[in-house]
């Protein structure tokens, strides 16, 4: 499932799970038993959840929000605790304090290249 999709469904252990993205973060929820709902009904429920999430996140994403939700969300699972502490402090001190309220309209690849040039991310 990609960020631009409306969402998806998965059946696991007799339950329907809805999958969608909200603010760049992958979300999921149990939507009912597979014996009580059809796949089509579950897809409609996910579409409603994704539409609601899109309305909540509609508007301009600020740099501080992007760093908290997307950047940290991705890298925290890869960092050890000491590395996380250092990197979060460094990013907050040098980037978030300056650009926190700046609107983000940049691709993830371009952003990653900029971080590598600054020495914040691995080359």
PDB file of N, CA and C in Angstrom:
ATOM      1  N   UNK A   1       0.849  -1.181   0.000  1.00  0.00           N
ATOM      2  CA  UNK A   1       0.000   0.000   0.000  1.00  0.00           C
ATOM      3  C   UNK A   1       0.892   1.240   0.000  1.00  0.00           C
ATOM      4  N   UNK A   2       0.570   2.188  -0.828  1.00  0.00           N
ATOM      5  CA  UNK A   2       1.353   3.413  -0.943  1.00  0.00           C
ATOM      6  C   UNK A   2       0.619   4.570  -0.272  1.00  0.00           C
ATOM      7  N   UNK A   3       1.354   5.633   0.004  1.00  0.00           N
ATOM      8  CA  UNK A   3       0.777   6.766   0.701  1.00  0.00           C
ATOM      9  C   UNK A   3      -0.360   7.423  -0.056  1.00  0.00           C
ATOM     10  N   UNK A   4      -0.349   7.341  -1.382  1.00  0.00           N
ATOM     11  CA  UNK A   4      -1.396   7.999  -2.149  1.00  0.00           C
ATOM     12  C   UNK A   4      -2.638   7.128  -2.325  1.00  0.00           C
ATOM     13  N   UNK A   5      -2.591   5.894  -1.870  1.00  0.00           N
ATOM     14  CA  UNK A   5      -3.763   5.027  -1.994  1.00  0.00           C
ATOM     15  C   UNK A   5      -4.777   5.371  -0.906  1.00  0.00           C
ATOM     16  N   UNK A   6      -6.012   4.900  -1.115  1.00  0.00           N
ATOM     17  CA  UNK A   6      -7.046   5.197  -0.128  1.00  0.00           C
ATOM     18  C   UNK A   6      -6.974   4.264   1.066  1.00  0.00           C
ATOM     19  N   UNK A   7      -6.255   3.189   0.946  1.00  0.00           N
ATOM     20  CA  UNK A   7      -6.115   2.245   2.037  1.00  0.00           C
ATOM     21  C   UNK A   7      -6.252   0.821   1.545  1.00  0.00           C
ATOM     22  N   UNK A   8      -6.115  -0.101   2.447  1.00  0.00           N
ATOM     23  CA  UNK A   8      -6.203  -1.503   2.091  1.00  0.00           C
ATOM     24  C   UNK A   8      -6.769  -2.311   3.243  1.00  0.00           C
ATOM     25  N   UNK A   9      -7.030  -3.563   2.964  1.00  0.00           N
ATOM     26  CA  UNK A   9      -7.551  -4.457   3.996  1.00  0.00           C
ATOM     27  C   UNK A   9      -6.713  -5.724   4.028  1.00  0.00           C
ATOM     28  N   UNK A  10      -6.731  -6.357   5.189  1.00  0.00           N
ATOM     29  CA  UNK A  10      -5.996  -7.610   5.382  1.00  0.00           C
ATOM     30  C   UNK A  10      -6.808  -8.461   6.339  1.00  0.00           C
ATOM     31  N   UNK A  11      -6.884  -9.741   6.029  1.00  0.00           N
ATOM     32  CA  UNK A  11      -7.585 -10.669   6.915  1.00  0.00           C
ATOM     33  C   UNK A  11      -6.536 -11.464   7.677  1.00  0.00           C
ATOM     34  N   UNK A  12      -6.644 -11.440   8.992  1.00  0.00           N
ATOM     35  CA  UNK A  12      -5.680 -12.139   9.836  1.00  0.00           C
ATOM     36  C   UNK A  12      -6.400 -12.655  11.073  1.00  0.00           C
ATOM     37  N   UNK A  13      -6.223 -13.931  11.350  1.00  0.00           N
ATOM     38  CA  UNK A  13      -6.834 -14.566  12.516  1.00  0.00           C
ATOM     39  C   UNK A  13      -8.346 -14.339  12.595  1.00  0.00           C
ATOM     40  N   UNK A  14      -9.008 -14.385  11.440  1.00  0.00           N
ATOM     41  CA  UNK A  14     -10.454 -14.243  11.422  1.00  0.00           C
ATOM     42  C   UNK A  14     -10.954 -12.828  11.604  1.00  0.00           C
ATOM     43  N   UNK A  15     -10.067 -11.845  11.499  1.00  0.00           N
ATOM     44  CA  UNK A  15     -10.449 -10.438  11.661  1.00  0.00           C
ATOM     45  C   UNK A  15     -10.020  -9.647  10.433  1.00  0.00           C
ATOM     46  N   UNK A  16     -10.788  -8.610  10.115  1.00  0.00           N
ATOM     47  CA  UNK A  16     -10.405  -7.685   9.060  1.00  0.00           C
ATOM     48  C   UNK A  16      -9.620  -6.537   9.667  1.00  0.00           C
ATOM     49  N   UNK A  17      -8.477  -6.248   9.090  1.00  0.00           N
ATOM     50  CA  UNK A  17      -7.653  -5.109   9.504  1.00  0.00           C
ATOM     51  C   UNK A  17      -7.666  -4.081   8.385  1.00  0.00           C
ATOM     52  N   UNK A  18      -7.903  -2.838   8.741  1.00  0.00           N
ATOM     53  CA  UNK A  18      -7.831  -1.743   7.784  1.00  0.00           C
ATOM     54  C   UNK A  18      -6.465  -1.094   7.875  1.00  0.00           C
ATOM     55  N   UNK A  19      -5.877  -0.754   6.733  1.00  0.00           N
ATOM     56  CA  UNK A  19      -4.547  -0.144   6.664  1.00  0.00           C
ATOM     57  C   UNK A  19      -4.627   1.129   5.841  1.00  0.00           C
ATOM     58  N   UNK A  20      -4.068   2.231   6.338  1.00  0.00           N
ATOM     59  CA  UNK A  20      -4.055   3.495   5.617  1.00  0.00           C
ATOM     60  C   UNK A  20      -2.938   4.360   6.178  1.00  0.00           C
ATOM     61  N   UNK A  21      -2.668   5.478   5.508  1.00  0.00           N
ATOM     62  CA  UNK A  21      -1.664   6.428   5.971  1.00  0.00           C
ATOM     63  C   UNK A  21      -2.357   7.682   6.462  1.00  0.00           C
ATOM     64  N   UNK A  22      -1.844   8.201   7.575  1.00  0.00           N
ATOM     65  CA  UNK A  22      -2.379   9.430   8.143  1.00  0.00           C
ATOM     66  C   UNK A  22      -1.205  10.333   8.477  1.00  0.00           C
ATOM     67  N   UNK A  23      -1.098  11.438   7.769  1.00  0.00           N
ATOM     68  CA  UNK A  23       0.016  12.352   8.008  1.00  0.00           C
ATOM     69  C   UNK A  23       1.367  11.711   7.745  1.00  0.00           C
ATOM     70  N   UNK A  24       1.436  10.803   6.795  1.00  0.00           N
ATOM     71  CA  UNK A  24       2.689  10.135   6.464  1.00  0.00           C
ATOM     72  C   UNK A  24       3.033   8.957   7.361  1.00  0.00           C
ATOM     73  N   UNK A  25       2.155   8.645   8.297  1.00  0.00           N
ATOM     74  CA  UNK A  25       2.391   7.549   9.233  1.00  0.00           C
ATOM     75  C   UNK A  25       1.400   6.423   8.938  1.00  0.00           C
ATOM     76  N   UNK A  26       1.915   5.209   8.862  1.00  0.00           N
ATOM     77  CA  UNK A  26       1.063   4.063   8.577  1.00  0.00           C
ATOM     78  C   UNK A  26       0.184   3.759   9.788  1.00  0.00           C
ATOM     79  N   UNK A  27      -1.111   3.609   9.531  1.00  0.00           N
ATOM     80  CA  UNK A  27      -2.079   3.319  10.586  1.00  0.00           C
ATOM     81  C   UNK A  27      -2.808   2.022  10.257  1.00  0.00           C
ATOM     82  N   UNK A  28      -3.311   1.356  11.291  1.00  0.00           N
ATOM     83  CA  UNK A  28      -4.124   0.160  11.087  1.00  0.00           C
ATOM     84  C   UNK A  28      -5.122   0.044  12.232  1.00  0.00           C
ATOM     85  N   UNK A  29      -6.223  -0.675  11.950  1.00  0.00           N
ATOM     86  CA  UNK A  29      -7.248  -0.865  12.964  1.00  0.00           C
ATOM     87  C   UNK A  29      -8.033  -2.128  12.641  1.00  0.00           C
ATOM     88  N   UNK A  30      -8.440  -2.838  13.679  1.00  0.00           N
ATOM     89  CA  UNK A  30      -9.322  -3.989  13.493  1.00  0.00           C
ATOM     90  C   UNK A  30     -10.709  -3.440  13.173  1.00  0.00           C
ATOM     91  N   UNK A  31     -11.299  -3.939  12.076  1.00  0.00           N
ATOM     92  CA  UNK A  31     -12.590  -3.422  11.636  1.00  0.00           C
ATOM     93  C   UNK A  31     -13.721  -4.418  11.790  1.00  0.00           C
ATOM     94  N   UNK A  32     -13.435  -5.569  12.326  1.00  0.00           N
ATOM     95  CA  UNK A  32     -14.498  -6.536  12.561  1.00  0.00           C
ATOM     96  C   UNK A  32     -14.070  -7.945  12.216  1.00  0.00           C
ATOM     97  N   UNK A  33     -14.953  -8.871  12.515  1.00  0.00           N
ATOM     98  CA  UNK A  33     -14.690 -10.273  12.221  1.00  0.00           C
ATOM     99  C   UNK A  33     -14.949 -10.549  10.746  1.00  0.00           C
ATOM    100  N   UNK A  34     -14.142 -11.417  10.172  1.00  0.00           N
ATOM    101  CA  UNK A  34     -14.309 -11.743   8.755  1.00  0.00           C
ATOM    102  C   UNK A  34     -15.603 -12.507   8.505  1.00  0.00           C
ATOM    103  N   UNK A  35     -16.152 -13.138   9.522  1.00  0.00           N
ATOM    104  CA  UNK A  35     -17.416 -13.857   9.364  1.00  0.00           C
ATOM    105  C   UNK A  35     -18.618 -12.909   9.363  1.00  0.00           C
ATOM    106  N   UNK A  36     -18.422 -11.672   9.817  1.00  0.00           N
ATOM    107  CA  UNK A  36     -19.525 -10.717   9.917  1.00  0.00           C
ATOM    108  C   UNK A  36     -19.521  -9.664   8.828  1.00  0.00           C
ATOM    109  N   UNK A  37     -18.370  -9.439   8.171  1.00  0.00           N
ATOM    110  CA  UNK A  37     -18.261  -8.410   7.143  1.00  0.00           C
ATOM    111  C   UNK A  37     -17.638  -8.993   5.888  1.00  0.00           C
ATOM    112  N   UNK A  38     -18.063  -8.443   4.756  1.00  0.00           N
ATOM    113  CA  UNK A  38     -17.418  -8.841   3.514  1.00  0.00           C
ATOM    114  C   UNK A  38     -16.183  -7.977   3.288  1.00  0.00           C
ATOM    115  N   UNK A  39     -15.347  -8.389   2.351  1.00  0.00           N
ATOM    116  CA  UNK A  39     -14.160  -7.615   2.029  1.00  0.00           C
ATOM    117  C   UNK A  39     -14.554  -6.242   1.469  1.00  0.00           C
ATOM    118  N   UNK A  40     -15.611  -6.200   0.680  1.00  0.00           N
ATOM    119  CA  UNK A  40     -16.083  -4.932   0.117  1.00  0.00           C
ATOM    120  C   UNK A  40     -16.537  -3.956   1.191  1.00  0.00           C
ATOM    121  N   UNK A  41     -17.269  -4.453   2.172  1.00  0.00           N
ATOM    122  CA  UNK A  41     -17.721  -3.593   3.280  1.00  0.00           C
ATOM    123  C   UNK A  41     -16.526  -3.064   4.064  1.00  0.00           C
ATOM    124  N   UNK A  42     -15.548  -3.926   4.244  1.00  0.00           N
ATOM    125  CA  UNK A  42     -14.352  -3.513   4.984  1.00  0.00           C
ATOM    126  C   UNK A  42     -13.579  -2.466   4.200  1.00  0.00           C
ATOM    127  N   UNK A  43     -13.487  -2.647   2.876  1.00  0.00           N
ATOM    128  CA  UNK A  43     -12.801  -1.641   2.046  1.00  0.00           C
ATOM    129  C   UNK A  43     -13.497  -0.287   2.128  1.00  0.00           C
ATOM    130  N   UNK A  44     -14.825  -0.283   2.137  1.00  0.00           N
ATOM    131  CA  UNK A  44     -15.567   0.968   2.269  1.00  0.00           C
ATOM    132  C   UNK A  44     -15.270   1.646   3.605  1.00  0.00           C
ATOM    133  N   UNK A  45     -15.181   0.858   4.665  1.00  0.00           N
ATOM    134  CA  UNK A  45     -14.868   1.407   5.984  1.00  0.00           C
ATOM    135  C   UNK A  45     -13.473   2.018   5.996  1.00  0.00           C
ATOM    136  N   UNK A  46     -12.523   1.352   5.345  1.00  0.00           N
ATOM    137  CA  UNK A  46     -11.155   1.887   5.279  1.00  0.00           C
ATOM    138  C   UNK A  46     -11.134   3.170   4.460  1.00  0.00           C
ATOM    139  N   UNK A  47     -11.894   3.202   3.372  1.00  0.00           N
ATOM    140  CA  UNK A  47     -11.959   4.413   2.552  1.00  0.00           C
ATOM    141  C   UNK A  47     -12.495   5.587   3.368  1.00  0.00           C
ATOM    142  N   UNK A  48     -13.489   5.332   4.227  1.00  0.00           N
ATOM    143  CA  UNK A  48     -14.021   6.398   5.089  1.00  0.00           C
ATOM    144  C   UNK A  48     -12.965   6.852   6.099  1.00  0.00           C
ATOM    145  N   UNK A  49     -12.235   5.896   6.688  1.00  0.00           N
ATOM    146  CA  UNK A  49     -11.176   6.254   7.638  1.00  0.00           C
ATOM    147  C   UNK A  49     -10.082   7.068   6.958  1.00  0.00           C
ATOM    148  N   UNK A  50      -9.669   6.636   5.769  1.00  0.00           N
ATOM    149  CA  UNK A  50      -8.612   7.338   5.039  1.00  0.00           C
ATOM    150  C   UNK A  50      -9.076   8.731   4.628  1.00  0.00           C
ATOM    151  N   UNK A  51     -10.348   8.858   4.226  1.00  0.00           N
ATOM    152  CA  UNK A  51     -10.881  10.170   3.847  1.00  0.00           C
ATOM    153  C   UNK A  51     -10.909  11.102   5.053  1.00  0.00           C
ATOM    154  N   UNK A  52     -11.292  10.577   6.200  1.00  0.00           N
ATOM    155  CA  UNK A  52     -11.290  11.385   7.423  1.00  0.00           C
ATOM    156  C   UNK A  52      -9.887  11.809   7.803  1.00  0.00           C
ATOM    157  N   UNK A  53      -8.935  10.911   7.637  1.00  0.00           N
ATOM    158  CA  UNK A  53      -7.542  11.230   7.938  1.00  0.00           C
ATOM    159  C   UNK A  53      -7.026  12.286   6.977  1.00  0.00           C
ATOM    160  N   UNK A  54      -7.432  12.186   5.711  1.00  0.00           N
ATOM    161  CA  UNK A  54      -6.989  13.160   4.715  1.00  0.00           C
ATOM    162  C   UNK A  54      -7.535  14.546   5.045  1.00  0.00           C
ATOM    163  N   UNK A  55      -8.792  14.619   5.498  1.00  0.00           N
ATOM    164  CA  UNK A  55      -9.372  15.901   5.873  1.00  0.00           C
ATOM    165  C   UNK A  55      -8.659  16.494   7.080  1.00  0.00           C
ATOM    166  N   UNK A  56      -8.286  15.644   8.036  1.00  0.00           N
ATOM    167  CA  UNK A  56      -7.584  16.137   9.228  1.00  0.00           C
ATOM    168  C   UNK A  56      -6.213  16.674   8.878  1.00  0.00           C
ATOM    169  N   UNK A  57      -5.535  16.013   7.921  1.00  0.00           N
ATOM    170  CA  UNK A  57      -4.177  16.414   7.585  1.00  0.00           C
ATOM    171  C   UNK A  57      -4.134  17.341   6.382  1.00  0.00           C
ATOM    172  N   UNK A  58      -5.315  17.686   5.825  1.00  0.00           N
ATOM    173  CA  UNK A  58      -5.335  18.602   4.691  1.00  0.00           C
ATOM    174  C   UNK A  58      -4.767  19.938   5.144  1.00  0.00           C
ATOM    175  N   UNK A  59      -4.097  20.563   4.259  1.00  0.00           N
ATOM    176  CA  UNK A  59      -3.447  21.810   4.587  1.00  0.00           C
ATOM    177  C   UNK A  59      -1.954  21.643   4.396  1.00  0.00           C
ATOM    178  N   UNK A  60      -1.227  22.545   4.941  1.00  0.00           N
ATOM    179  CA  UNK A  60       0.214  22.562   4.731  1.00  0.00           C
ATOM    180  C   UNK A  60       0.913  21.854   5.885  1.00  0.00           C
ATOM    181  N   UNK A  61       1.800  20.950   5.522  1.00  0.00           N
ATOM    182  CA  UNK A  61       2.603  20.252   6.518  1.00  0.00           C
ATOM    183  C   UNK A  61       3.776  21.140   6.896  1.00  0.00           C
ATOM    184  N   UNK A  62       3.959  21.364   8.164  1.00  0.00           N
ATOM    185  CA  UNK A  62       5.076  22.182   8.652  1.00  0.00           C
ATOM    186  C   UNK A  62       6.294  21.294   8.861  1.00  0.00           C
ATOM    187  N   UNK A  63       7.475  21.892   8.763  1.00  0.00           N
ATOM    188  CA  UNK A  63       8.719  21.146   8.882  1.00  0.00           C
ATOM    189  C   UNK A  63       8.803  20.411  10.222  1.00  0.00           C
ATOM    190  N   UNK A  64       8.433  21.067  11.301  1.00  0.00           N
ATOM    191  CA  UNK A  64       8.481  20.434  12.620  1.00  0.00           C
ATOM    192  C   UNK A  64       7.592  19.204  12.690  1.00  0.00           C
ATOM    193  N   UNK A  65       6.413  19.274  12.069  1.00  0.00           N
ATOM    194  CA  UNK A  65       5.508  18.120  12.030  1.00  0.00           C
ATOM    195  C   UNK A  65       6.124  16.992  11.209  1.00  0.00           C
ATOM    196  N   UNK A  66       6.730  17.342  10.081  1.00  0.00           N
ATOM    197  CA  UNK A  66       7.362  16.341   9.225  1.00  0.00           C
ATOM    198  C   UNK A  66       8.465  15.605   9.972  1.00  0.00           C
ATOM    199  N   UNK A  67       9.307  16.343  10.678  1.00  0.00           N
ATOM    200  CA  UNK A  67      10.409  15.722  11.404  1.00  0.00           C
ATOM    201  C   UNK A  67       9.874  14.786  12.478  1.00  0.00           C
ATOM    202  N   UNK A  68       8.873  15.226  13.233  1.00  0.00           N
ATOM    203  CA  UNK A  68       8.316  14.395  14.305  1.00  0.00           C
ATOM    204  C   UNK A  68       7.624  13.149  13.776  1.00  0.00           C
ATOM    205  N   UNK A  69       6.819  13.290  12.743  1.00  0.00           N
ATOM    206  CA  UNK A  69       6.030  12.151  12.280  1.00  0.00           C
ATOM    207  C   UNK A  69       6.778  11.243  11.322  1.00  0.00           C
ATOM    208  N   UNK A  70       7.436  11.815  10.333  1.00  0.00           N
ATOM    209  CA  UNK A  70       8.041  11.008   9.279  1.00  0.00           C
ATOM    210  C   UNK A  70       9.495  10.676   9.554  1.00  0.00           C
ATOM    211  N   UNK A  71      10.313  11.697   9.757  1.00  0.00           N
ATOM    212  CA  UNK A  71      11.749  11.465   9.900  1.00  0.00           C
ATOM    213  C   UNK A  71      12.065  10.654  11.163  1.00  0.00           C
ATOM    214  N   UNK A  72      11.599  11.144  12.311  1.00  0.00           N
ATOM    215  CA  UNK A  72      11.859  10.398  13.546  1.00  0.00           C
ATOM    216  C   UNK A  72      11.136   9.051  13.544  1.00  0.00           C
ATOM    217  N   UNK A  73       9.938   9.037  13.000  1.00  0.00           N
ATOM    218  CA  UNK A  73       9.191   7.786  12.931  1.00  0.00           C
ATOM    219  C   UNK A  73       9.941   6.703  12.183  1.00  0.00           C
ATOM    220  N   UNK A  74      10.663   7.094  11.145  1.00  0.00           N
ATOM    221  CA  UNK A  74      11.430   6.137  10.356  1.00  0.00           C
ATOM    222  C   UNK A  74      12.740   5.758  11.038  1.00  0.00           C
ATOM    223  N   UNK A  75      13.481   6.738  11.521  1.00  0.00           N
ATOM    224  CA  UNK A  75      14.820   6.466  12.029  1.00  0.00           C
ATOM    225  C   UNK A  75      14.878   5.961  13.465  1.00  0.00           C
ATOM    226  N   UNK A  76      13.898   6.270  14.296  1.00  0.00           N
ATOM    227  CA  UNK A  76      13.958   5.822  15.697  1.00  0.00           C
ATOM    228  C   UNK A  76      14.046   4.304  15.815  1.00  0.00           C
ATOM    229  N   UNK A  77      13.441   3.591  14.886  1.00  0.00           N
ATOM    230  CA  UNK A  77      13.501   2.131  14.941  1.00  0.00           C
ATOM    231  C   UNK A  77      14.888   1.611  14.559  1.00  0.00           C
ATOM    232  N   UNK A  78      15.696   2.433  13.939  1.00  0.00           N
ATOM    233  CA  UNK A  78      17.022   2.017  13.491  1.00  0.00           C
ATOM    234  C   UNK A  78      18.140   2.437  14.453  1.00  0.00           C
ATOM    235  N   UNK A  79      17.874   3.448  15.288  1.00  0.00           N
ATOM    236  CA  UNK A  79      18.892   3.998  16.160  1.00  0.00           C
ATOM    237  C   UNK A  79      18.926   3.297  17.514  1.00  0.00           C
ATOM    238  N   UNK A  80      20.132   3.171  18.061  1.00  0.00           N
ATOM    239  CA  UNK A  80      20.263   2.763  19.458  1.00  0.00           C
ATOM    240  C   UNK A  80      19.904   3.971  20.311  1.00  0.00           C
ATOM    241  N   UNK A  81      19.696   3.776  21.593  1.00  0.00           N
ATOM    242  CA  UNK A  81      19.203   4.868  22.438  1.00  0.00           C
ATOM    243  C   UNK A  81      20.163   6.058  22.497  1.00  0.00           C
ATOM    244  N   UNK A  82      21.480   5.800  22.612  1.00  0.00           N
ATOM    245  CA  UNK A  82      22.441   6.905  22.666  1.00  0.00           C
ATOM    246  C   UNK A  82      22.482   7.661  21.334  1.00  0.00           C
ATOM    247  N   UNK A  83      22.416   6.931  20.246  1.00  0.00           N
ATOM    248  CA  UNK A  83      22.415   7.550  18.923  1.00  0.00           C
ATOM    249  C   UNK A  83      21.149   8.371  18.733  1.00  0.00           C
ATOM    250  N   UNK A  84      20.030   7.834  19.168  1.00  0.00           N
ATOM    251  CA  UNK A  84      18.769   8.559  19.054  1.00  0.00           C
ATOM    252  C   UNK A  84      18.834   9.877  19.810  1.00  0.00           C
ATOM    253  N   UNK A  85      19.325   9.822  21.041  1.00  0.00           N
ATOM    254  CA  UNK A  85      19.420  11.031  21.857  1.00  0.00           C
ATOM    255  C   UNK A  85      20.270  12.099  21.167  1.00  0.00           C
ATOM    256  N   UNK A  86      21.415  11.689  20.641  1.00  0.00           N
ATOM    257  CA  UNK A  86      22.319  12.619  19.969  1.00  0.00           C
ATOM    258  C   UNK A  86      21.688  13.192  18.702  1.00  0.00           C
ATOM    259  N   UNK A  87      21.125  12.324  17.875  1.00  0.00           N
ATOM    260  CA  UNK A  87      20.568  12.770  16.595  1.00  0.00           C
ATOM    261  C   UNK A  87      19.325  13.644  16.774  1.00  0.00           C
ATOM    262  N   UNK A  88      18.455  13.286  17.699  1.00  0.00           N
ATOM    263  CA  UNK A  88      17.264  14.094  17.945  1.00  0.00           C
ATOM    264  C   UNK A  88      17.682  15.476  18.433  1.00  0.00           C
ATOM    265  N   UNK A  89      18.641  15.532  19.336  1.00  0.00           N
ATOM    266  CA  UNK A  89      19.128  16.812  19.829  1.00  0.00           C
ATOM    267  C   UNK A  89      19.725  17.639  18.698  1.00  0.00           C
ATOM    268  N   UNK A  90      20.523  17.008  17.865  1.00  0.00           N
ATOM    269  CA  UNK A  90      21.187  17.708  16.757  1.00  0.00           C
ATOM    270  C   UNK A  90      20.165  18.244  15.751  1.00  0.00           C
ATOM    271  N   UNK A  91      19.222  17.433  15.364  1.00  0.00           N
ATOM    272  CA  UNK A  91      18.212  17.865  14.391  1.00  0.00           C
ATOM    273  C   UNK A  91      17.349  18.975  14.982  1.00  0.00           C
ATOM    274  N   UNK A  92      16.934  18.812  16.229  1.00  0.00           N
ATOM    275  CA  UNK A  92      16.117  19.851  16.863  1.00  0.00           C
ATOM    276  C   UNK A  92      16.877  21.164  16.996  1.00  0.00           C
ATOM    277  N   UNK A  93      18.135  21.093  17.399  1.00  0.00           N
ATOM    278  CA  UNK A  93      18.923  22.304  17.618  1.00  0.00           C
ATOM    279  C   UNK A  93      19.237  23.040  16.321  1.00  0.00           C
ATOM    280  N   UNK A  94      19.576  22.316  15.268  1.00  0.00           N
ATOM    281  CA  UNK A  94      20.033  22.960  14.046  1.00  0.00           C
ATOM    282  C   UNK A  94      18.956  23.161  12.989  1.00  0.00           C
ATOM    283  N   UNK A  95      17.961  22.319  12.963  1.00  0.00           N
ATOM    284  CA  UNK A  95      16.966  22.403  11.894  1.00  0.00           C
ATOM    285  C   UNK A  95      15.572  22.792  12.381  1.00  0.00           C
ATOM    286  N   UNK A  96      15.072  22.078  13.380  1.00  0.00           N
ATOM    287  CA  UNK A  96      13.695  22.317  13.810  1.00  0.00           C
ATOM    288  C   UNK A  96      13.531  23.712  14.409  1.00  0.00           C
ATOM    289  N   UNK A  97      14.500  24.159  15.196  1.00  0.00           N
ATOM    290  CA  UNK A  97      14.372  25.503  15.781  1.00  0.00           C
ATOM    291  C   UNK A  97      14.319  26.593  14.707  1.00  0.00           C
ATOM    292  N   UNK A  98      14.980  26.360  13.583  1.00  0.00           N
ATOM    293  CA  UNK A  98      15.013  27.354  12.505  1.00  0.00           C
ATOM    294  C   UNK A  98      13.806  27.221  11.575  1.00  0.00           C
ATOM    295  N   UNK A  99      13.444  25.979  11.213  1.00  0.00           N
ATOM    296  CA  UNK A  99      12.442  25.756  10.178  1.00  0.00           C
ATOM    297  C   UNK A  99      11.126  25.161  10.684  1.00  0.00           C
ATOM    298  N   UNK A 100      10.864  25.161  11.960  1.00  0.00           N
ATOM    299  CA  UNK A 100       9.694  24.471  12.530  1.00  0.00           C
ATOM    300  C   UNK A 100       8.382  24.863  11.872  1.00  0.00           C
ATOM    301  N   UNK A 101       8.168  26.133  11.605  1.00  0.00           N
ATOM    302  CA  UNK A 101       6.892  26.596  11.051  1.00  0.00           C
ATOM    303  C   UNK A 101       6.922  26.794   9.542  1.00  0.00           C
ATOM    304  N   UNK A 102       7.988  26.341   8.894  1.00  0.00           N
ATOM    305  CA  UNK A 102       8.107  26.461   7.445  1.00  0.00           C
ATOM    306  C   UNK A 102       7.307  25.353   6.767  1.00  0.00           C
ATOM    307  N   UNK A 103       6.564  25.718   5.738  1.00  0.00           N
ATOM    308  CA  UNK A 103       5.788  24.728   4.985  1.00  0.00           C
ATOM    309  C   UNK A 103       6.736  23.803   4.235  1.00  0.00           C
ATOM    310  N   UNK A 104       6.403  22.517   4.255  1.00  0.00           N
ATOM    311  CA  UNK A 104       7.238  21.520   3.591  1.00  0.00           C
ATOM    312  C   UNK A 104       6.611  21.151   2.257  1.00  0.00           C
ATOM    313  N   UNK A 105       7.359  21.372   1.215  1.00  0.00           N
ATOM    314  CA  UNK A 105       6.957  20.938  -0.116  1.00  0.00           C
ATOM    315  C   UNK A 105       8.213  20.417  -0.793  1.00  0.00           C
ATOM    316  N   UNK A 106       8.698  19.306  -0.275  1.00  0.00           N
ATOM    317  CA  UNK A 106       9.955  18.739  -0.728  1.00  0.00           C
ATOM    318  C   UNK A 106       9.820  17.222  -0.744  1.00  0.00           C
ATOM    319  N   UNK A 107      10.499  16.605  -1.679  1.00  0.00           N
ATOM    320  CA  UNK A 107      10.439  15.144  -1.733  1.00  0.00           C
ATOM    321  C   UNK A 107      11.347  14.560  -0.657  1.00  0.00           C
ATOM    322  N   UNK A 108      11.037  13.351  -0.251  1.00  0.00           N
ATOM    323  CA  UNK A 108      11.833  12.690   0.774  1.00  0.00           C
ATOM    324  C   UNK A 108      13.268  12.480   0.307  1.00  0.00           C
ATOM    325  N   UNK A 109      13.458  12.132  -0.976  1.00  0.00           N
ATOM    326  CA  UNK A 109      14.813  11.923  -1.494  1.00  0.00           C
ATOM    327  C   UNK A 109      15.631  13.197  -1.460  1.00  0.00           C
ATOM    328  N   UNK A 110      15.022  14.303  -1.857  1.00  0.00           N
ATOM    329  CA  UNK A 110      15.744  15.580  -1.823  1.00  0.00           C
ATOM    330  C   UNK A 110      16.096  15.958  -0.383  1.00  0.00           C
ATOM    331  N   UNK A 111      15.176  15.747   0.521  1.00  0.00           N
ATOM    332  CA  UNK A 111      15.422  16.040   1.938  1.00  0.00           C
ATOM    333  C   UNK A 111      16.562  15.174   2.476  1.00  0.00           C
ATOM    334  N   UNK A 112      16.552  13.888   2.125  1.00  0.00           N
ATOM    335  CA  UNK A 112      17.593  12.976   2.594  1.00  0.00           C
ATOM    336  C   UNK A 112      18.962  13.395   2.068  1.00  0.00           C
ATOM    337  N   UNK A 113      19.037  13.804   0.807  1.00  0.00           N
ATOM    338  CA  UNK A 113      20.315  14.271   0.243  1.00  0.00           C
ATOM    339  C   UNK A 113      20.823  15.491   1.008  1.00  0.00           C
ATOM    340  N   UNK A 114      19.922  16.399   1.367  1.00  0.00           N
ATOM    341  CA  UNK A 114      20.318  17.590   2.130  1.00  0.00           C
ATOM    342  C   UNK A 114      20.852  17.204   3.503  1.00  0.00           C
ATOM    343  N   UNK A 115      20.206  16.249   4.155  1.00  0.00           N
ATOM    344  CA  UNK A 115      20.682  15.801   5.465  1.00  0.00           C
ATOM    345  C   UNK A 115      22.068  15.164   5.363  1.00  0.00           C
ATOM    346  N   UNK A 116      22.301  14.413   4.305  1.00  0.00           N
ATOM    347  CA  UNK A 116      23.621  13.798   4.111  1.00  0.00           C
ATOM    348  C   UNK A 116      24.694  14.860   3.925  1.00  0.00           C
ATOM    349  N   UNK A 117      24.382  15.903   3.160  1.00  0.00           N
ATOM    350  CA  UNK A 117      25.342  16.995   2.962  1.00  0.00           C
ATOM    351  C   UNK A 117      25.672  17.690   4.280  1.00  0.00           C
ATOM    352  N   UNK A 118      24.684  17.805   5.157  1.00  0.00           N
ATOM    353  CA  UNK A 118      24.889  18.444   6.454  1.00  0.00           C
ATOM    354  C   UNK A 118      25.591  17.535   7.452  1.00  0.00           C
ATOM    355  N   UNK A 119      25.693  16.255   7.103  1.00  0.00           N
ATOM    356  CA  UNK A 119      26.346  15.296   8.002  1.00  0.00           C
ATOM    357  C   UNK A 119      25.436  14.759   9.089  1.00  0.00           C
ATOM    358  N   UNK A 120      24.132  14.977   8.944  1.00  0.00           N
ATOM    359  CA  UNK A 120      23.180  14.513   9.944  1.00  0.00           C
ATOM    360  C   UNK A 120      22.781  13.078   9.683  1.00  0.00           C
ATOM    361  N   UNK A 121      22.664  12.707   8.419  1.00  0.00           N
ATOM    362  CA  UNK A 121      22.287  11.332   8.062  1.00  0.00           C
ATOM    363  C   UNK A 121      23.492  10.627   7.445  1.00  0.00           C
ATOM    364  N   UNK A 122      23.429   9.295   7.485  1.00  0.00           N
ATOM    365  CA  UNK A 122      24.506   8.511   6.893  1.00  0.00           C
ATOM    366  C   UNK A 122      24.557   8.706   5.383  1.00  0.00           C
ATOM    367  N   UNK A 123      25.770   8.741   4.810  1.00  0.00           N
ATOM    368  CA  UNK A 123      25.901   8.898   3.354  1.00  0.00           C
ATOM    369  C   UNK A 123      25.434   7.678   2.593  1.00  0.00           C
TER     370      UNK A 123
END
